[in-house]
Amino acid sequence: MKKIFTLLTLSLLSACLSACTGFNNDRATQFQSLTSTQQAAYWQERNITHLMHQLQQQGATVYHYGDAYQIIIPTSKLFNGEATLVSNNADSLIKALVNFINVRPTAGVRVLAYTNLGTSKEANFALTQSWSEALINKLRASGLTAGVLSAQGHGECDNIGKDNSFTNRVEIHYRIEHEY
């Protein structure tokens, strides 16, 4: 009885392996029938998806609208409190941002910062302007290849989230360019 059970198990495993191999061979044949441009686009999309997951694992939220991207990052992931220098703890997040943005050509990147931490509107504006400029400098120093970078501090305007939970944030906006 044990021999029959073992033989049946081996037969089933062999059939599954053959089916899987056939499936993979079919997919490989389909992939090989694509042009080199289509194959490159496929691998680029897989890379973009992988990089997007890396950003999300580090606390960033990525929105994609056609050719436009918006990345929202809580300032706590980039700065220590009201410090105006990017934290050393943010190095892996900065690297992931640069890799993600550099995958596709873009002419410019806008960095916008928001907060309601300061004691006055002027203090909030100054803090957010410092944050956006510091992030741009860090991105550029880390290898960001976009041509035009702009920094905009928005102070305490545009409070969002339940109980303003997403008020202290940095947003990165850019649009990919197509080569024609």
Protein backbone atom coordinates (compact mmCIF):
# COMPACT_ATOMS: atom_id res chain seq x y z
CA MET A 1 0.00 0.00 0.00
CA LYS A 2 2.85 2.34 0.89
CA LYS A 3 4.49 1.67 -2.48
CA ILE A 4 1.29 2.51 -4.35
CA PHE A 5 0.88 5.75 -2.39
CA THR A 6 4.49 6.74 -3.10
CA LEU A 7 4.06 5.89 -6.78
CA LEU A 8 0.86 7.96 -6.98
CA THR A 9 2.53 10.89 -5.23
CA LEU A 10 5.49 10.77 -7.61
CA SER A 11 3.16 10.58 -10.61
CA LEU A 12 1.19 13.60 -9.42
CA LEU A 13 4.36 15.60 -8.76
CA SER A 14 5.68 14.69 -12.20
CA ALA A 15 2.42 15.79 -13.83
CA CYS A 16 2.47 19.09 -11.92
CA LEU A 17 6.08 19.72 -12.87
CA SER A 18 5.32 19.02 -16.52
CA ALA A 19 2.33 21.36 -16.45
CA CYS A 20 4.35 24.11 -14.79
CA THR A 21 7.21 23.68 -17.22
CA GLY A 22 4.76 23.82 -20.13
CA PHE A 23 3.20 26.97 -18.69
CA ASN A 24 6.60 28.59 -18.24
CA ASN A 25 7.64 27.54 -21.75
CA ASP A 26 4.44 29.12 -23.14
CA ARG A 27 5.16 32.37 -21.28
CA ALA A 28 8.78 32.33 -22.43
CA THR A 29 7.64 31.85 -26.03
CA GLN A 30 5.18 34.75 -25.66
CA PHE A 31 7.87 36.96 -24.16
CA GLN A 32 10.33 36.09 -26.94
CA SER A 33 7.73 37.07 -29.52
CA LEU A 34 7.77 40.65 -28.17
CA THR A 35 9.99 43.25 -29.77
CA SER A 36 13.11 44.29 -27.89
CA THR A 37 11.40 47.63 -27.11
CA GLN A 38 8.39 45.81 -25.62
CA GLN A 39 10.67 43.53 -23.59
CA ALA A 40 12.58 46.55 -22.25
CA ALA A 41 9.29 48.24 -21.31
CA TYR A 42 8.20 45.09 -19.48
CA TRP A 43 11.40 44.96 -17.40
CA GLN A 44 11.23 48.70 -16.72
CA GLU A 45 7.66 48.38 -15.38
CA ARG A 46 8.73 45.48 -13.14
CA ASN A 47 11.61 47.61 -11.84
CA ILE A 48 9.28 50.57 -11.19
CA THR A 49 6.88 48.34 -9.27
CA HIS A 50 9.75 46.98 -7.17
CA LEU A 51 11.06 50.50 -6.41
CA MET A 52 7.54 51.69 -5.54
CA HIS A 53 7.23 48.86 -3.00
CA GLN A 54 10.58 49.89 -1.48
CA LEU A 55 9.26 53.43 -0.99
CA GLN A 56 6.03 52.17 0.53
CA GLN A 57 7.91 49.91 2.96
CA GLN A 58 9.73 53.00 4.21
CA GLY A 59 6.53 54.94 4.90
CA ALA A 60 6.02 56.84 1.64
CA THR A 61 2.78 56.81 -0.32
CA VAL A 62 3.04 56.86 -4.11
CA TYR A 63 0.22 58.04 -6.37
CA HIS A 64 0.39 57.61 -10.12
CA TYR A 65 -1.90 59.55 -12.47
CA GLY A 66 -1.07 58.88 -16.13
CA ASP A 67 2.38 60.40 -16.59
CA ALA A 68 2.34 62.23 -13.24
CA TYR A 69 3.62 60.96 -9.90
CA GLN A 70 3.01 62.25 -6.40
CA ILE A 71 4.99 60.87 -3.46
CA ILE A 72 3.86 61.81 0.05
CA ILE A 73 6.25 61.32 2.96
CA PRO A 74 5.61 62.14 6.63
CA THR A 75 8.27 64.63 7.73
CA SER A 76 9.09 62.33 10.65
CA LYS A 77 10.67 59.96 8.09
CA LEU A 78 13.01 62.73 6.85
CA PHE A 79 13.60 65.20 9.70
CA ASN A 80 14.00 65.08 13.47
CA GLY A 81 11.24 67.33 14.80
CA GLU A 82 11.76 70.89 13.62
CA ALA A 83 15.35 70.27 12.47
CA THR A 84 16.02 71.70 9.03
CA LEU A 85 18.62 69.15 7.92
CA VAL A 86 17.63 65.77 6.49
CA SER A 87 18.23 63.09 9.11
CA ASN A 88 20.96 60.51 8.57
CA ASN A 89 18.27 57.92 9.34
CA ALA A 90 16.61 58.89 6.05
CA ASP A 91 19.50 57.78 3.82
CA SER A 92 17.81 54.58 2.62
CA LEU A 93 14.59 56.50 1.91
CA ILE A 94 16.54 59.15 -0.03
CA LYS A 95 18.27 56.44 -2.05
CA ALA A 96 14.92 54.79 -2.82
CA LEU A 97 13.46 58.17 -3.89
CA VAL A 98 16.38 58.90 -6.21
CA ASN A 99 16.24 55.42 -7.74
CA PHE A 100 12.48 55.65 -8.25
CA ILE A 101 12.52 59.10 -9.87
CA ASN A 102 15.60 58.39 -12.02
CA VAL A 103 14.05 55.26 -13.61
CA ARG A 104 12.23 57.44 -16.15
CA PRO A 105 13.30 60.78 -17.58
CA THR A 106 11.71 63.85 -16.03
CA ALA A 107 12.42 67.51 -16.70
CA GLY A 108 11.62 68.71 -13.22
CA VAL A 109 10.69 67.79 -9.69
CA ARG A 110 8.70 69.93 -7.25
CA VAL A 111 9.11 69.43 -3.54
CA LEU A 112 6.36 70.90 -1.35
CA ALA A 113 6.38 70.84 2.43
CA TYR A 114 3.58 71.41 4.95
CA THR A 115 3.40 71.68 8.75
CA ASN A 116 1.59 73.23 11.68
CA LEU A 117 4.42 72.68 14.19
CA GLY A 118 5.59 76.28 14.54
CA THR A 119 4.23 78.94 16.83
CA SER A 120 3.16 81.26 14.02
CA LYS A 121 2.29 81.23 10.33
CA GLU A 122 5.64 82.85 9.55
CA ALA A 123 7.53 80.20 11.53
CA ASN A 124 5.62 77.40 9.79
CA PHE A 125 6.32 78.89 6.38
CA ALA A 126 10.03 79.30 7.14
CA LEU A 127 10.27 75.74 8.47
CA THR A 128 8.56 74.20 5.44
CA GLN A 129 10.67 76.24 3.04
CA SER A 130 13.80 75.00 4.82
CA TRP A 131 12.55 71.40 4.67
CA SER A 132 11.80 71.52 0.95
CA GLU A 133 15.17 73.13 0.14
CA ALA A 134 17.08 70.66 2.34
CA LEU A 135 15.36 67.71 0.66
CA ILE A 136 16.15 69.03 -2.81
CA ASN A 137 19.80 69.50 -1.87
CA LYS A 138 19.94 65.95 -0.45
CA LEU A 139 18.25 64.46 -3.53
CA ARG A 140 20.63 66.28 -5.88
CA ALA A 141 23.67 65.24 -3.82
CA SER A 142 22.40 61.64 -3.90
CA GLY A 143 22.29 61.53 -7.69
CA LEU A 144 18.88 62.84 -8.76
CA THR A 145 19.17 63.60 -12.48
CA ALA A 146 16.08 65.77 -13.02
CA GLY A 147 16.93 69.08 -14.66
CA VAL A 148 14.80 71.56 -12.74
CA LEU A 149 14.13 71.25 -9.02
CA SER A 150 11.83 73.59 -7.15
CA ALA A 151 11.25 73.90 -3.42
CA GLN A 152 8.06 75.35 -2.00
CA GLY A 153 7.16 75.72 1.65
CA HIS A 154 3.43 75.99 2.29
CA GLY A 155 3.42 76.38 6.06
CA GLU A 156 0.24 75.28 7.74
CA CYS A 157 -2.09 75.49 4.75
CA ASP A 158 -3.72 72.36 3.35
CA ASN A 159 -4.03 70.38 6.58
CA ILE A 160 -5.24 66.90 5.64
CA GLY A 161 -6.12 63.65 7.31
CA LYS A 162 -8.16 62.83 10.36
CA ASP A 163 -7.14 65.33 13.04
CA ASN A 164 -4.60 66.78 10.57
CA SER A 165 -2.59 63.56 10.83
CA PHE A 166 -0.94 64.14 7.44
CA THR A 167 -0.27 67.83 7.91
CA ASN A 168 3.46 67.40 8.60
CA ARG A 169 4.45 66.05 5.22
CA VAL A 170 6.59 66.50 2.17
CA GLU A 171 5.13 65.97 -1.29
CA ILE A 172 7.21 65.28 -4.36
CA HIS A 173 5.55 65.93 -7.71
CA TYR A 174 6.91 65.16 -11.17
CA ARG A 175 5.85 64.09 -14.63
CA ILE A 176 7.68 61.59 -16.80
CA GLU A 177 8.78 62.63 -20.28
CA HIS A 178 8.37 60.47 -23.33
CA GLU A 179 10.98 60.28 -26.06
CA TYR A 180 9.39 60.57 -29.48
